Protein backbone atom coordinates (compact mmCIF):
# COMPACT_ATOMS: atom_id res chain seq x y z
CA UNK A 1 109.80 102.55 71.20
CA UNK A 2 111.86 105.53 70.49
CA UNK A 3 115.00 106.41 71.05
CA UNK A 4 115.27 109.81 70.04
CA UNK A 5 118.56 111.83 70.65
CA UNK A 6 118.02 115.30 70.72
CA UNK A 7 121.76 116.23 70.95
CA UNK A 8 122.51 114.35 67.45
CA UNK A 9 122.29 116.97 64.51
CA UNK A 10 125.92 117.26 63.24
CA UNK A 11 127.86 114.73 61.16
CA UNK A 12 130.59 114.44 64.20
CA UNK A 13 127.89 114.12 67.29
CA UNK A 14 126.41 111.18 64.87
CA UNK A 15 130.01 110.27 64.48
CA UNK A 16 130.70 110.18 68.13
CA UNK A 17 127.41 108.48 68.96
CA UNK A 18 127.43 105.88 66.89
CA UNK A 19 131.20 104.92 68.05
CA UNK A 20 129.53 104.98 71.04
CA UNK A 21 126.81 102.75 70.16
CA UNK A 22 129.19 100.38 68.94
CA UNK A 23 131.21 100.32 72.18
CA UNK A 24 127.94 99.82 74.08
CA UNK A 25 127.03 96.95 72.02
CA UNK A 26 130.14 95.18 72.86
CA UNK A 27 129.92 95.17 76.33
CA UNK A 28 126.16 94.22 75.89
CA UNK A 29 127.97 91.23 74.47
CA UNK A 30 130.12 90.32 76.86
CA UNK A 31 127.96 90.56 79.66
CA UNK A 32 125.78 88.07 77.64
CA UNK A 33 128.27 86.13 76.78
CA UNK A 34 129.48 85.87 80.28
CA UNK A 35 126.24 85.26 81.83
CA UNK A 36 125.52 82.53 79.39
CA UNK A 37 129.21 80.35 79.69
CA UNK A 38 128.44 80.53 83.71
CA UNK A 39 125.13 78.84 83.16
CA UNK A 40 127.12 76.39 80.84
CA UNK A 41 129.80 75.57 83.50
CA UNK A 42 126.79 75.67 86.52
CA UNK A 43 125.00 73.06 84.15
CA UNK A 44 128.65 71.41 83.12
CA UNK A 45 127.39 70.39 79.69
CA UNK A 46 130.37 71.80 77.35
CA UNK A 47 128.59 69.72 74.13
CA UNK A 48 126.40 72.28 72.81
CA UNK A 49 128.48 75.03 73.31
CA UNK A 50 127.13 76.74 70.24
CA UNK A 51 124.23 76.79 72.04
CA UNK A 52 125.45 79.22 74.57
CA UNK A 53 127.20 81.02 71.73
CA UNK A 54 124.49 81.72 69.81
CA UNK A 55 122.35 83.94 71.56
CA UNK A 56 124.87 86.82 73.01
CA UNK A 57 125.56 86.95 69.34
CA UNK A 58 122.38 87.25 68.26
CA UNK A 59 121.53 88.95 71.28
CA UNK A 60 124.60 91.64 70.54
CA UNK A 61 123.34 92.37 66.95
CA UNK A 62 119.77 92.93 67.56
CA UNK A 63 120.95 95.66 70.38
CA UNK A 64 123.30 97.11 68.07
CA UNK A 65 120.57 97.69 64.97
CA UNK A 66 118.29 98.95 66.98
CA UNK A 67 120.21 101.57 68.29
CA UNK A 68 121.75 102.42 65.31
CA UNK A 69 118.34 102.69 63.58
CA UNK A 70 116.84 105.24 66.54
CA UNK A 71 120.92 107.16 65.89
CA UNK A 72 120.16 107.19 62.26
CA UNK A 73 116.53 108.61 62.27
CA UNK A 74 117.44 111.01 65.52
CA UNK A 75 120.13 112.37 63.37
CA UNK A 76 117.85 113.13 60.09
CA UNK A 77 115.33 114.41 62.11
CA UNK A 78 118.33 116.97 63.97
CA UNK A 79 119.91 118.01 60.98
C-alpha cells in the first residue's frame, strides 16, 4: 500500500496536506459514526451504545495514522 504524494516537497505543502488529512479523517469518522448509529436505530438497541461508538473512533484513528505515515514518507522523499 503506497500513499505517495508527489506534490509534498516543502514545509508549507506538508502543513497544508496535514490539515486536509485531518479534515478527511474527521469526515470519515462522522460518516462511519452515522452508519453505526443508523444500525443502532434500526436494531433499536440503545443499551450498548458504546458498541456502536467504538468502531468509528478506532477506524478514524487508524485512517488518520495510516494516511499521516504516507504523508510523512512522501515529504521526506520529496524534500
